[in-house]
């Protein structure tokens, strides 16, 4: 590892039957770091991962793990360094979940695959780590997809690898187990020096857990860098070709399209109070206006995606007479008001003035 990278590729080209799909893939990952592949369905993320693990033959270039060309490493020796969790469903016959997890110890056993007491302890520790101890005696084919995913993760952990390759590891998992899985990977990378290379569809999770991100699009790598370098305004919309809705890089939020038409409701919002109301109105197909929001307000990104009209002021400034007059005009146009700001937030002078104006005009106010 003289160059400082535990895992790297040089000029890697991947594809099927000798036909290139993605060319010139150059990756470098330090030991104990997490690299995540993102990109549209069918872009080639799984093809890259299968090539790294020698399940597909590399068309050109080189893959190095710990300074060694993987072509020169036997499958058994590679299995001691690298473990794999792919999306393909495995259907082992007549095996309990503990049996399946135990196969992760095979690179360390003799030809008969007999596990020692030490091996069994490692199996049990791995199962406890992903909370599947109670599944030990269950038939692997009779459990849910989410449970199978956690069994396969325990199997990979059992190999005690230095690098783990995972293809969509959060598939089939509910939010609790998604977060637990990523926390396990992050804890192992920090505490044990585990290097992780995986693909994810959940962009918000990819941004939070990754040290580096590789963006796959077309026949090339579109971007490669830190999350701050990848999640720049407008890039994700472009990478995925979004034509409906929006993705907000600053918060990781995905929003459906705004309802078309003139606003029918004015929402007095701010400090995060309006987001729930904005989304409810979108579901109910009610176009709305909102304000007065500072451009750094928590409500502002969602309002930008969903509101027909926003009355706003620059970050860290207070509402001035011009913004108040604009809000009054929108209130008159809508003829209905929802006040999402609670009592604590009404100390802001502009909220009081907006409510005073609403009452003076006899416009009904719904309190949220």
Protein backbone atom coordinates (compact mmCIF):
# COMPACT_ATOMS: atom_id res chain seq x y z
CA UNK A 1 0.00 0.00 0.00
CA UNK A 2 2.91 2.27 -0.82
CA UNK A 3 0.70 4.81 -2.60
CA UNK A 4 -1.49 5.21 0.49
CA UNK A 5 -4.56 3.59 -1.07
CA UNK A 6 -5.90 0.23 0.05
CA UNK A 7 -8.17 -0.16 -2.98
CA UNK A 8 -7.67 1.40 -6.39
CA UNK A 9 -8.28 0.88 -10.08
CA UNK A 10 -6.29 2.09 -13.06
CA UNK A 11 -7.98 2.53 -16.44
CA UNK A 12 -10.56 -0.14 -15.61
CA UNK A 13 -13.03 -0.95 -18.38
CA UNK A 14 -16.04 -3.11 -17.55
CA UNK A 15 -18.75 -4.76 -19.62
CA UNK A 16 -20.14 -8.07 -20.82
CA UNK A 17 -18.79 -10.60 -23.34
CA UNK A 18 -15.85 -8.35 -24.10
CA UNK A 19 -18.08 -5.40 -25.01
CA UNK A 20 -17.21 -2.26 -23.01
CA UNK A 21 -19.96 -0.65 -20.96
CA UNK A 22 -17.94 1.87 -18.89
CA UNK A 23 -14.35 2.83 -19.67
CA UNK A 24 -11.41 4.47 -17.91
CA UNK A 25 -12.56 3.98 -14.32
CA UNK A 26 -9.91 5.34 -11.96
CA UNK A 27 -10.73 4.94 -8.26
CA UNK A 28 -8.57 5.29 -5.16
CA UNK A 29 -9.80 4.59 -1.64
CA UNK A 30 -7.78 4.77 1.56
CA UNK A 31 -8.02 2.02 4.14
CA UNK A 32 -10.95 2.50 6.50
CA UNK A 33 -12.89 4.76 4.11
CA UNK A 34 -16.31 4.36 2.48
CA UNK A 35 -16.84 4.76 -1.27
CA UNK A 36 -20.41 4.82 -2.62
CA UNK A 37 -21.50 4.44 -6.23
CA UNK A 38 -24.61 6.36 -7.30
CA UNK A 39 -26.35 6.81 -10.64
CA UNK A 40 -29.48 5.89 -12.59
CA UNK A 41 -30.76 2.32 -12.85
CA UNK A 42 -28.87 0.40 -15.52
CA UNK A 43 -25.92 2.79 -15.47
CA UNK A 44 -23.48 -0.01 -14.61
CA UNK A 45 -22.94 0.25 -10.85
CA UNK A 46 -23.46 -3.49 -10.31
CA UNK A 47 -21.22 -4.28 -13.30
CA UNK A 48 -18.39 -2.31 -11.69
CA UNK A 49 -18.83 -4.13 -8.37
CA UNK A 50 -18.98 -7.57 -10.01
CA UNK A 51 -15.80 -6.81 -11.94
CA UNK A 52 -13.99 -5.75 -8.78
CA UNK A 53 -14.96 -9.06 -7.14
CA UNK A 54 -13.88 -11.11 -10.21
CA UNK A 55 -17.42 -12.30 -10.93
CA UNK A 56 -17.04 -10.59 -14.30
CA UNK A 57 -13.83 -10.55 -16.29
CA UNK A 58 -12.18 -7.15 -16.51
CA UNK A 59 -11.97 -5.94 -20.11
CA UNK A 60 -9.06 -3.55 -19.60
CA UNK A 61 -7.08 -1.95 -16.81
CA UNK A 62 -6.20 -3.20 -13.35
CA UNK A 63 -7.82 -3.57 -9.93
CA UNK A 64 -5.51 -3.40 -6.93
CA UNK A 65 -6.32 -4.46 -3.37
CA UNK A 66 -3.62 -3.76 -0.81
CA UNK A 67 -1.19 -3.15 -3.67
CA UNK A 68 -1.84 -6.52 -5.36
CA UNK A 69 -3.37 -7.00 -8.79
CA UNK A 70 -6.50 -9.08 -8.05
CA UNK A 71 -5.89 -11.13 -11.20
CA UNK A 72 -2.87 -12.64 -9.48
CA UNK A 73 -4.76 -13.48 -6.26
CA UNK A 74 -6.51 -16.85 -5.83
CA UNK A 75 -10.23 -16.86 -5.00
CA UNK A 76 -9.53 -18.31 -1.55
CA UNK A 77 -6.91 -15.69 -0.71
CA UNK A 78 -9.13 -12.96 -2.13
CA UNK A 79 -11.99 -14.17 0.10
CA UNK A 80 -9.81 -13.55 3.16
CA UNK A 81 -9.39 -9.92 2.15
CA UNK A 82 -12.73 -9.22 0.51
CA UNK A 83 -16.35 -10.10 1.28
CA UNK A 84 -19.34 -9.50 -0.94
CA UNK A 85 -23.05 -8.76 -0.45
CA UNK A 86 -24.81 -8.61 -3.83
CA UNK A 87 -28.47 -8.17 -4.71
CA UNK A 88 -28.91 -11.62 -6.28
CA UNK A 89 -31.03 -13.87 -4.12
CA UNK A 90 -29.28 -16.98 -2.92
CA UNK A 91 -31.38 -20.13 -2.41
CA UNK A 92 -29.33 -22.58 -0.34
CA UNK A 93 -31.10 -25.88 0.19
CA UNK A 94 -31.70 -27.23 3.70
CA UNK A 95 -29.65 -24.56 5.47
CA UNK A 96 -30.49 -22.59 8.58
CA UNK A 97 -29.62 -18.93 8.86
CA UNK A 98 -26.71 -19.83 11.13
CA UNK A 99 -25.47 -22.30 8.49
CA UNK A 100 -25.52 -19.56 5.86
CA UNK A 101 -23.68 -17.10 8.10
CA UNK A 102 -21.16 -19.83 8.89
CA UNK A 103 -20.20 -20.17 5.22
CA UNK A 104 -18.41 -16.86 5.69
CA UNK A 105 -15.76 -18.81 7.62
CA UNK A 106 -15.00 -21.22 4.73
CA UNK A 107 -11.90 -19.32 3.52
CA UNK A 108 -10.34 -20.17 6.90
CA UNK A 109 -11.41 -23.81 7.20
CA UNK A 110 -9.99 -26.98 5.72
CA UNK A 111 -11.38 -28.74 2.63
CA UNK A 112 -14.26 -30.23 4.66
CA UNK A 113 -15.43 -26.81 5.84
CA UNK A 114 -15.61 -27.85 9.49
CA UNK A 115 -15.98 -24.90 11.84
CA UNK A 116 -14.01 -24.67 15.07
CA UNK A 117 -15.27 -23.28 18.38
CA UNK A 118 -13.56 -20.02 17.43
CA UNK A 119 -15.41 -19.97 14.12
CA UNK A 120 -18.76 -20.49 15.87
CA UNK A 121 -18.00 -17.62 18.24
CA UNK A 122 -17.30 -15.34 15.27
CA UNK A 123 -20.56 -16.48 13.64
CA UNK A 124 -22.56 -15.71 16.77
CA UNK A 125 -20.89 -12.31 17.20
CA UNK A 126 -21.70 -11.38 13.60
CA UNK A 127 -25.33 -12.43 13.99
CA UNK A 128 -25.66 -10.42 17.19
CA UNK A 129 -24.15 -7.38 15.47
CA UNK A 130 -26.96 -7.30 12.86
CA UNK A 131 -29.68 -8.43 15.29
CA UNK A 132 -30.52 -11.83 13.80
CA UNK A 133 -29.58 -14.13 16.70
CA UNK A 134 -33.20 -15.23 17.00
CA UNK A 135 -33.11 -16.44 13.36
CA UNK A 136 -30.24 -18.89 13.95
CA UNK A 137 -32.33 -22.07 13.58
CA UNK A 138 -34.77 -20.73 10.98
CA UNK A 139 -34.76 -22.09 7.43
CA UNK A 140 -33.02 -19.42 5.33
CA UNK A 141 -35.56 -19.84 2.50
CA UNK A 142 -38.49 -19.23 4.88
CA UNK A 143 -37.55 -15.75 6.12
CA UNK A 144 -38.34 -12.31 4.68
CA UNK A 145 -36.21 -10.47 2.12
CA UNK A 146 -35.12 -7.96 4.75
CA UNK A 147 -34.07 -10.76 7.10
CA UNK A 148 -32.15 -12.46 4.29
CA UNK A 149 -30.30 -9.22 3.61
CA UNK A 150 -29.17 -9.04 7.23
CA UNK A 151 -28.13 -12.71 7.19
CA UNK A 152 -25.96 -12.06 4.14
CA UNK A 153 -24.42 -9.03 5.85
CA UNK A 154 -23.59 -11.19 8.89
CA UNK A 155 -22.04 -13.75 6.53
CA UNK A 156 -19.84 -11.03 5.01
CA UNK A 157 -18.82 -9.77 8.47
CA UNK A 158 -17.90 -13.36 9.40
CA UNK A 159 -15.20 -13.38 6.77
CA UNK A 160 -13.41 -10.70 8.79
CA UNK A 161 -12.50 -8.92 5.55
CA UNK A 162 -10.37 -5.87 5.01
CA UNK A 163 -12.66 -4.65 2.23
CA UNK A 164 -16.40 -5.21 1.84
CA UNK A 165 -18.28 -4.86 -1.45
CA UNK A 166 -22.04 -4.30 -1.19
CA UNK A 167 -24.56 -3.86 -4.01
CA UNK A 168 -27.66 -1.99 -2.79
CA UNK A 169 -27.30 -3.34 0.79
CA UNK A 170 -30.29 -1.35 2.03
CA UNK A 171 -32.71 -3.04 -0.40
CA UNK A 172 -35.64 -4.68 1.41
CA UNK A 173 -34.70 -3.04 4.73
CA UNK A 174 -37.01 -0.77 6.70
CA UNK A 175 -35.71 2.56 7.97
CA UNK A 176 -34.52 1.12 11.30
CA UNK A 177 -32.36 -1.54 9.68
CA UNK A 178 -31.11 0.78 6.93
CA UNK A 179 -29.69 3.09 9.60
CA UNK A 180 -28.36 0.20 11.70
CA UNK A 181 -26.62 -1.34 8.68
CA UNK A 182 -24.93 1.90 7.67
CA UNK A 183 -23.96 2.57 11.28
CA UNK A 184 -22.35 -0.88 11.43
CA UNK A 185 -20.36 -0.18 8.26
CA UNK A 186 -19.30 3.24 9.52
CA UNK A 187 -18.33 1.85 12.94
CA UNK A 188 -16.28 -0.96 11.35
CA UNK A 189 -14.57 1.43 8.95
CA UNK A 190 -13.60 3.79 11.76
CA UNK A 191 -12.77 1.22 14.42
CA UNK A 192 -11.42 -1.74 12.44
CA UNK A 193 -10.11 -0.08 9.30
CA UNK A 194 -12.68 -1.80 7.08
CA UNK A 195 -12.72 -0.37 3.56
CA UNK A 196 -16.24 -0.27 2.07
CA UNK A 197 -17.25 -0.03 -1.60
CA UNK A 198 -21.00 -0.07 -2.19
CA UNK A 199 -23.84 1.20 -4.33
CA UNK A 200 -26.87 2.99 -2.91
CA UNK A 201 -30.11 4.40 -4.27
CA UNK A 202 -30.80 6.51 -1.16
CA UNK A 203 -28.92 9.69 -2.01
CA UNK A 204 -29.46 11.27 1.41
CA UNK A 205 -27.84 8.23 3.06
CA UNK A 206 -25.02 8.17 0.52
CA UNK A 207 -24.25 11.80 1.30
CA UNK A 208 -24.17 11.17 5.04
CA UNK A 209 -22.14 7.95 5.20
CA UNK A 210 -19.62 8.25 2.35
CA UNK A 211 -16.08 9.56 2.31
CA UNK A 212 -16.02 9.47 -1.50
CA UNK A 213 -18.79 9.16 -4.10
CA UNK A 214 -18.52 7.82 -7.66
CA UNK A 215 -21.23 8.99 -10.08
CA UNK A 216 -21.92 6.57 -12.92
CA UNK A 217 -23.61 7.76 -16.10
CA UNK A 218 -23.45 6.55 -19.69
CA UNK A 219 -20.10 5.14 -20.75
CA UNK A 220 -18.02 7.14 -18.31
CA UNK A 221 -17.63 8.16 -14.69
CA UNK A 222 -19.39 11.51 -14.48
CA UNK A 223 -17.97 12.74 -11.17
CA UNK A 224 -15.76 11.39 -8.42
CA UNK A 225 -15.12 13.20 -5.16
CA UNK A 226 -16.27 14.00 -1.64
CA UNK A 227 -19.99 14.49 -0.90
CA UNK A 228 -19.42 18.27 -0.82
CA UNK A 229 -17.93 18.10 -4.31
CA UNK A 230 -20.74 15.89 -5.65
CA UNK A 231 -23.91 17.35 -4.15
CA UNK A 232 -23.80 20.77 -5.76
CA UNK A 233 -26.96 22.66 -6.79
CA UNK A 234 -28.71 21.10 -9.77
CA UNK A 235 -26.24 18.24 -10.26
CA UNK A 236 -28.43 15.38 -9.03
CA UNK A 237 -31.35 16.56 -11.19
CA UNK A 238 -28.97 16.42 -14.16
CA UNK A 239 -27.35 13.07 -13.25
CA UNK A 240 -30.69 11.32 -12.93
CA UNK A 241 -32.44 13.30 -15.67
CA UNK A 242 -35.21 14.48 -13.36
CA UNK A 243 -38.16 15.83 -15.32
CA UNK A 244 -40.71 15.59 -12.50
CA UNK A 245 -40.14 16.96 -9.00
CA UNK A 246 -36.91 18.21 -7.49
CA UNK A 247 -33.98 17.05 -5.35
CA UNK A 248 -32.55 19.51 -2.86
CA UNK A 249 -28.81 18.89 -2.38
CA UNK A 250 -28.60 20.95 0.81
CA UNK A 251 -31.10 18.79 2.70
CA UNK A 252 -31.27 15.54 0.72
CA UNK A 253 -35.02 16.03 0.25
CA UNK A 254 -36.99 14.86 -2.76
CA UNK A 255 -40.17 16.78 -3.52
CA UNK A 256 -43.01 16.05 -5.93
CA UNK A 257 -43.97 18.77 -8.45
CA UNK A 258 -45.76 21.91 -7.30
CA UNK A 259 -49.48 22.15 -8.03
CA UNK A 260 -50.10 24.38 -11.03
CA UNK A 261 -52.44 27.36 -10.88
CA UNK A 262 -52.92 30.59 -8.98
CA UNK A 263 -52.44 30.25 -5.21
CA UNK A 264 -55.62 29.66 -3.23
CA UNK A 265 -54.11 29.76 0.28
CA UNK A 266 -51.45 31.93 1.89
CA UNK A 267 -49.35 30.05 4.46
CA UNK A 268 -47.67 32.10 7.18
CA UNK A 269 -44.63 29.94 7.89
CA UNK A 270 -41.04 29.96 9.10
CA UNK A 271 -38.57 28.03 11.22
CA UNK A 272 -39.70 24.69 9.77
CA UNK A 273 -43.33 25.22 10.76
CA UNK A 274 -44.63 25.25 7.22
CA UNK A 275 -43.07 22.14 5.64
CA UNK A 276 -45.77 19.75 6.83
CA UNK A 277 -48.50 22.15 5.64
CA UNK A 278 -46.82 22.66 2.24
CA UNK A 279 -46.74 18.93 1.60
CA UNK A 280 -50.31 18.44 2.74
CA UNK A 281 -51.53 21.14 0.36
CA UNK A 282 -49.55 19.54 -2.46
CA UNK A 283 -51.21 16.18 -1.74
CA UNK A 284 -54.60 17.91 -1.75
CA UNK A 285 -53.77 19.59 -5.09
CA UNK A 286 -54.13 23.10 -3.59
CA UNK A 287 -51.74 25.73 -5.02
CA UNK A 288 -50.46 28.07 -2.31
CA UNK A 289 -48.29 31.08 -1.56
CA UNK A 290 -46.15 31.48 1.52
CA UNK A 291 -44.02 33.99 3.40
CA UNK A 292 -42.31 35.88 4.70
CA UNK A 293 -39.30 33.52 4.65
CA UNK A 294 -35.62 34.25 4.98
CA UNK A 295 -33.71 32.44 2.24
CA UNK A 296 -31.83 30.41 4.86
CA UNK A 297 -35.03 29.35 6.64
CA UNK A 298 -35.64 25.63 7.09
CA UNK A 299 -38.95 26.00 5.24
CA UNK A 300 -37.41 27.75 2.25
CA UNK A 301 -36.14 24.74 0.17
CA UNK A 302 -39.50 22.94 0.40
CA UNK A 303 -41.39 26.14 -0.36
CA UNK A 304 -39.14 26.70 -3.39
CA UNK A 305 -40.19 23.31 -4.73
CA UNK A 306 -43.90 23.35 -3.85
CA UNK A 307 -45.19 26.92 -3.57
CA UNK A 308 -46.77 28.80 -6.46
CA UNK A 309 -45.37 32.01 -4.96
CA UNK A 310 -42.89 32.83 -2.17
CA UNK A 311 -42.41 36.14 -0.42
CA UNK A 312 -38.82 36.07 0.84
CA UNK A 313 -35.99 38.23 2.12
CA UNK A 314 -32.23 37.59 2.07
CA UNK A 315 -30.70 35.38 4.75
CA UNK A 316 -30.34 36.90 8.22
CA UNK A 317 -32.49 39.91 7.42
CA UNK A 318 -35.88 40.96 8.73
CA UNK A 319 -39.03 41.54 6.74
CA UNK A 320 -39.16 45.10 5.40
CA UNK A 321 -42.08 47.21 4.18
CA UNK A 322 -41.70 46.00 0.58
CA UNK A 323 -41.91 42.34 1.56
CA UNK A 324 -44.88 43.04 3.82
CA UNK A 325 -46.72 44.84 1.03
CA UNK A 326 -46.03 41.90 -1.30
CA UNK A 327 -47.39 39.51 1.33
CA UNK A 328 -50.52 41.63 1.80
CA UNK A 329 -51.19 41.48 -1.95
CA UNK A 330 -50.84 37.67 -1.96
CA UNK A 331 -53.15 37.37 1.06
CA UNK A 332 -55.81 39.44 -0.71
CA UNK A 333 -55.40 37.36 -3.85
CA UNK A 334 -55.74 34.06 -1.97
CA UNK A 335 -58.59 35.04 0.35
CA UNK A 336 -57.68 32.29 2.80
CA UNK A 337 -54.80 32.00 5.29
CA UNK A 338 -53.18 29.18 7.22
CA UNK A 339 -50.93 30.24 10.10
CA UNK A 340 -48.40 27.45 10.66
CA UNK A 341 -46.28 29.46 13.10
CA UNK A 342 -46.94 28.54 16.73
CA UNK A 343 -47.19 30.94 19.63
CA UNK A 344 -43.43 30.89 20.26
CA UNK A 345 -42.72 31.98 16.69
CA UNK A 346 -45.20 34.82 16.67
CA UNK A 347 -42.80 37.09 18.50
CA UNK A 348 -41.44 37.92 15.04
CA UNK A 349 -42.87 41.35 14.25
CA UNK A 350 -43.75 40.46 10.66
CA UNK A 351 -45.93 37.52 11.81
CA UNK A 352 -47.93 39.80 14.11
CA UNK A 353 -48.31 42.36 11.35
CA UNK A 354 -49.47 39.75 8.84
CA UNK A 355 -52.07 38.44 11.30
CA UNK A 356 -53.23 41.98 12.09
CA UNK A 357 -53.70 42.61 8.36
CA UNK A 358 -55.61 39.33 7.91
CA UNK A 359 -57.99 40.20 10.74
CA UNK A 360 -58.49 43.74 9.44
CA UNK A 361 -59.59 42.29 6.10
CA UNK A 362 -61.93 39.77 7.70
CA UNK A 363 -60.09 36.85 6.05
CA UNK A 364 -60.50 33.48 7.80
CA UNK A 365 -57.36 32.03 9.41
CA UNK A 366 -56.80 28.33 10.03
CA UNK A 367 -54.45 27.75 12.98
CA UNK A 368 -52.07 24.83 12.63
